[in-house]
Amino acid sequence: MVSKGETTRHLILESALARASLVGLEGLSIGGMAKEVGMSKSGLFAHFASKVELQQQVLQLTIDRFIDLVIAPAFRQPRGEPRFRALFENWIRWEGSDWMPGGCLFISTANEVDDRPGPLRDLLVESQRSWLEALAKAAQLGVEVGHFRHDLDCRQLAYELYSIILAYHHFHRLLRDPTSRTRVDQAFERLIRDAKP
């Protein structure tokens, strides 16, 4: 059974995740979140001892949700091209999630912490390296089942897919380019064609 404290903590984190997608993790504060969820600052401190802890927990929630919504469902697909396609499609849907109204928290956090050592940067870097490894593994399994050519550089394929998604985010969110989805689909199909035997 979930305790009242756990339920409250979860509600705070959900609200903080949505807020962070709009203002960044640096934009979160104990006082601001207390006001947003209708609690006192001391009440929020009972759940998160500091702003850094709140930021880390929001980032960890985002990582866990990415695994649940993007990676895990894709890895239930057949090995090879179907799995790689599922990773791509799930990732595109992720970027448009309504509980991240400001777009992907990983991208905004990367801009905040890329040159600042610390626990937030470490957690983000670890998660993104794991994601790149998952993409490379999916590509390698595609090689093993014969969907992709035997000399495919799987890490390069992961790099290129990652780059395409970053470009999609930029074109879709910042430039509001109405052709962004068509363009990302075309770029992905070109990647797949190049990867085939």
Protein backbone atom coordinates (compact mmCIF):
# COMPACT_ATOMS: atom_id res chain seq x y z
CA MET A 1 0.00 0.00 0.00
CA VAL A 2 1.30 3.46 -0.95
CA SER A 3 1.60 5.86 1.98
CA LYS A 4 0.25 9.41 1.97
CA GLY A 5 3.82 10.70 2.06
CA GLU A 6 4.76 8.69 -1.04
CA THR A 7 1.65 9.91 -2.85
CA THR A 8 2.46 13.52 -1.96
CA ARG A 9 6.07 13.10 -3.05
CA HIS A 10 4.93 11.63 -6.36
CA LEU A 11 2.53 14.54 -6.97
CA ILE A 12 5.29 17.03 -6.23
CA LEU A 13 7.65 15.28 -8.64
CA GLU A 14 5.02 15.17 -11.39
CA SER A 15 4.37 18.88 -11.01
CA ALA A 16 8.09 19.64 -10.85
CA LEU A 17 8.75 17.60 -14.01
CA ALA A 18 6.15 19.56 -15.96
CA ARG A 19 7.51 22.83 -14.57
CA ALA A 20 11.13 21.90 -15.31
CA SER A 21 10.26 21.14 -18.93
CA LEU A 22 9.24 24.81 -19.21
CA VAL A 23 11.83 26.57 -17.04
CA GLY A 24 14.64 24.02 -16.79
CA LEU A 25 15.85 22.23 -13.69
CA GLU A 26 17.61 25.41 -12.58
CA GLY A 27 14.24 27.15 -12.61
CA LEU A 28 12.92 24.82 -9.91
CA SER A 29 12.99 26.02 -6.33
CA ILE A 30 11.68 24.67 -3.07
CA GLY A 31 9.65 27.83 -2.48
CA GLY A 32 8.24 27.91 -6.00
CA MET A 33 7.24 24.27 -5.94
CA ALA A 34 5.70 24.61 -2.47
CA LYS A 35 3.52 27.42 -3.79
CA GLU A 36 2.61 25.49 -6.94
CA VAL A 37 1.44 22.39 -5.06
CA GLY A 38 -0.14 24.31 -2.16
CA MET A 39 2.31 23.34 0.57
CA SER A 40 4.52 25.22 2.98
CA LYS A 41 8.25 25.37 2.30
CA SER A 42 8.85 23.28 5.42
CA GLY A 43 6.34 20.73 4.15
CA LEU A 44 8.22 20.44 0.87
CA PHE A 45 11.54 20.22 2.75
CA ALA A 46 10.13 17.14 4.49
CA HIS A 47 10.19 15.44 1.07
CA PHE A 48 13.27 17.06 -0.51
CA ALA A 49 16.06 18.35 1.70
CA SER A 50 17.42 20.72 -0.96
CA LYS A 51 16.89 22.14 -4.41
CA VAL A 52 19.60 19.79 -5.73
CA GLU A 53 17.80 16.76 -4.34
CA LEU A 54 14.55 17.92 -5.95
CA GLN A 55 16.34 18.41 -9.28
CA GLN A 56 17.98 14.98 -9.09
CA GLN A 57 14.69 13.26 -8.26
CA VAL A 58 12.94 15.01 -11.16
CA LEU A 59 15.70 13.95 -13.53
CA GLN A 60 15.59 10.37 -12.20
CA LEU A 61 11.81 10.27 -12.67
CA THR A 62 12.32 11.42 -16.26
CA ILE A 63 14.94 8.71 -16.84
CA ASP A 64 12.69 6.02 -15.37
CA ARG A 65 9.77 7.18 -17.48
CA PHE A 66 11.92 7.20 -20.63
CA ILE A 67 12.89 3.59 -19.96
CA ASP A 68 9.24 2.63 -19.37
CA LEU A 69 7.81 4.47 -22.38
CA VAL A 70 10.57 4.37 -24.98
CA ILE A 71 13.09 1.61 -24.35
CA ALA A 72 11.16 -1.22 -22.69
CA PRO A 73 8.27 -1.36 -25.21
CA ALA A 74 10.70 -1.26 -28.14
CA PHE A 75 12.77 -4.11 -26.73
CA ARG A 76 9.62 -6.24 -26.65
CA GLN A 77 9.51 -5.97 -30.45
CA PRO A 78 11.28 -8.57 -32.64
CA ARG A 79 15.02 -8.09 -32.96
CA GLY A 80 16.37 -6.14 -35.87
CA GLU A 81 14.64 -3.50 -37.93
CA PRO A 82 11.25 -3.72 -36.11
CA ARG A 83 12.93 -3.02 -32.77
CA PHE A 84 15.06 -0.20 -34.16
CA ARG A 85 11.98 1.38 -35.75
CA ALA A 86 10.09 1.09 -32.47
CA LEU A 87 12.89 2.90 -30.66
CA PHE A 88 12.64 5.73 -33.18
CA GLU A 89 8.84 5.98 -33.07
CA ASN A 90 8.72 5.82 -29.28
CA TRP A 91 11.37 8.52 -29.06
CA ILE A 92 9.41 10.81 -31.37
CA ARG A 93 6.26 10.30 -29.26
CA TRP A 94 8.32 10.99 -26.13
CA GLU A 95 9.26 14.45 -27.36
CA GLY A 96 5.58 15.35 -27.67
CA SER A 97 4.45 14.05 -24.27
CA ASP A 98 1.79 16.28 -22.73
CA TRP A 99 3.32 15.96 -19.26
CA MET A 100 6.45 17.71 -20.62
CA PRO A 101 4.78 20.84 -22.05
CA GLY A 102 8.13 22.49 -22.69
CA GLY A 103 9.66 19.56 -24.55
CA CYS A 104 12.24 16.95 -23.67
CA LEU A 105 13.80 17.57 -20.27
CA PHE A 106 17.00 15.78 -21.30
CA ILE A 107 17.66 18.36 -24.01
CA SER A 108 17.01 21.39 -21.81
CA THR A 109 19.04 19.88 -18.96
CA ALA A 110 21.95 19.17 -21.29
CA ASN A 111 22.05 22.86 -22.17
CA GLU A 112 22.05 23.79 -18.48
CA VAL A 113 24.70 21.39 -17.20
CA ASP A 114 26.95 20.50 -20.14
CA ASP A 115 29.87 22.57 -18.80
CA ARG A 116 29.09 22.32 -15.10
CA PRO A 117 30.42 19.32 -13.22
CA GLY A 118 28.20 17.92 -10.52
CA PRO A 119 25.60 15.29 -9.67
CA LEU A 120 23.00 16.49 -12.19
CA ARG A 121 25.47 16.40 -15.05
CA ASP A 122 26.74 12.99 -13.95
CA LEU A 123 23.23 11.53 -13.83
CA LEU A 124 22.31 12.95 -17.23
CA VAL A 125 25.54 11.79 -18.85
CA GLU A 126 25.11 8.28 -17.44
CA SER A 127 21.54 8.10 -18.74
CA GLN A 128 22.43 9.35 -22.22
CA ARG A 129 25.40 6.99 -22.52
CA SER A 130 23.14 4.12 -21.53
CA TRP A 131 20.63 5.22 -24.17
CA LEU A 132 23.32 5.32 -26.85
CA GLU A 133 24.40 1.83 -25.79
CA ALA A 134 20.79 0.60 -26.09
CA LEU A 135 20.58 2.04 -29.61
CA ALA A 136 23.89 0.44 -30.59
CA LYS A 137 22.78 -2.88 -29.10
CA ALA A 138 19.52 -2.77 -31.06
CA ALA A 139 21.52 -2.10 -34.22
CA GLN A 140 23.93 -4.97 -33.45
CA LEU A 141 21.01 -7.35 -32.98
CA GLY A 142 19.78 -6.15 -36.37
CA VAL A 143 23.13 -7.18 -37.84
CA GLU A 144 22.92 -10.57 -36.14
CA VAL A 145 19.48 -11.35 -37.56
CA GLY A 146 20.50 -10.18 -41.03
CA HIS A 147 18.37 -7.04 -41.25
CA PHE A 148 21.43 -4.79 -41.28
CA ARG A 149 24.70 -5.28 -43.15
CA HIS A 150 27.51 -7.19 -41.42
CA ASP A 151 29.99 -4.30 -41.61
CA LEU A 152 27.61 -1.75 -40.07
CA ASP A 153 29.17 0.58 -37.51
CA CYS A 154 26.46 0.25 -34.87
CA ARG A 155 27.80 3.06 -32.71
CA GLN A 156 27.80 5.36 -35.71
CA LEU A 157 24.19 4.43 -36.44
CA ALA A 158 23.29 5.24 -32.82
CA TYR A 159 25.14 8.56 -33.10
CA GLU A 160 23.31 9.48 -36.30
CA LEU A 161 19.88 8.58 -34.94
CA TYR A 162 20.59 10.60 -31.79
CA SER A 163 21.66 13.53 -33.97
CA ILE A 164 18.53 13.31 -36.09
CA ILE A 165 16.31 13.43 -32.99
CA LEU A 166 18.19 16.46 -31.66
CA ALA A 167 17.67 18.20 -35.00
CA TYR A 168 13.98 17.23 -34.95
CA HIS A 169 13.56 18.75 -31.50
CA HIS A 170 15.21 21.98 -32.66
CA PHE A 171 13.17 22.25 -35.85
CA HIS A 172 9.91 21.23 -34.17
CA ARG A 173 10.16 23.13 -30.86
CA LEU A 174 12.28 26.17 -31.63
CA LEU A 175 11.71 26.83 -35.32
CA ARG A 176 8.11 25.54 -35.34
CA ASP A 177 8.84 24.04 -38.75
CA PRO A 178 5.66 22.32 -39.97
CA THR A 179 7.75 19.95 -42.09
CA SER A 180 9.83 18.71 -39.15
CA ARG A 181 8.03 15.36 -38.79
CA THR A 182 8.27 14.66 -42.52
CA ARG A 183 11.94 15.55 -42.50
CA VAL A 184 12.79 13.40 -39.49
CA ASP A 185 10.96 10.45 -41.08
CA GLN A 186 12.90 10.93 -44.31
CA ALA A 187 16.19 11.14 -42.44
CA PHE A 188 15.37 7.98 -40.50
CA GLU A 189 14.41 6.06 -43.64
CA ARG A 190 17.70 7.08 -45.24
CA LEU A 191 19.54 5.75 -42.17
CA ILE A 192 17.69 2.43 -42.42
CA ARG A 193 18.34 2.10 -46.16
CA ASP A 194 22.04 2.76 -45.62
CA ALA A 195 22.16 0.16 -42.82
CA LYS A 196 20.64 -2.65 -44.91
CA PRO A 197 22.71 -5.27 -46.75
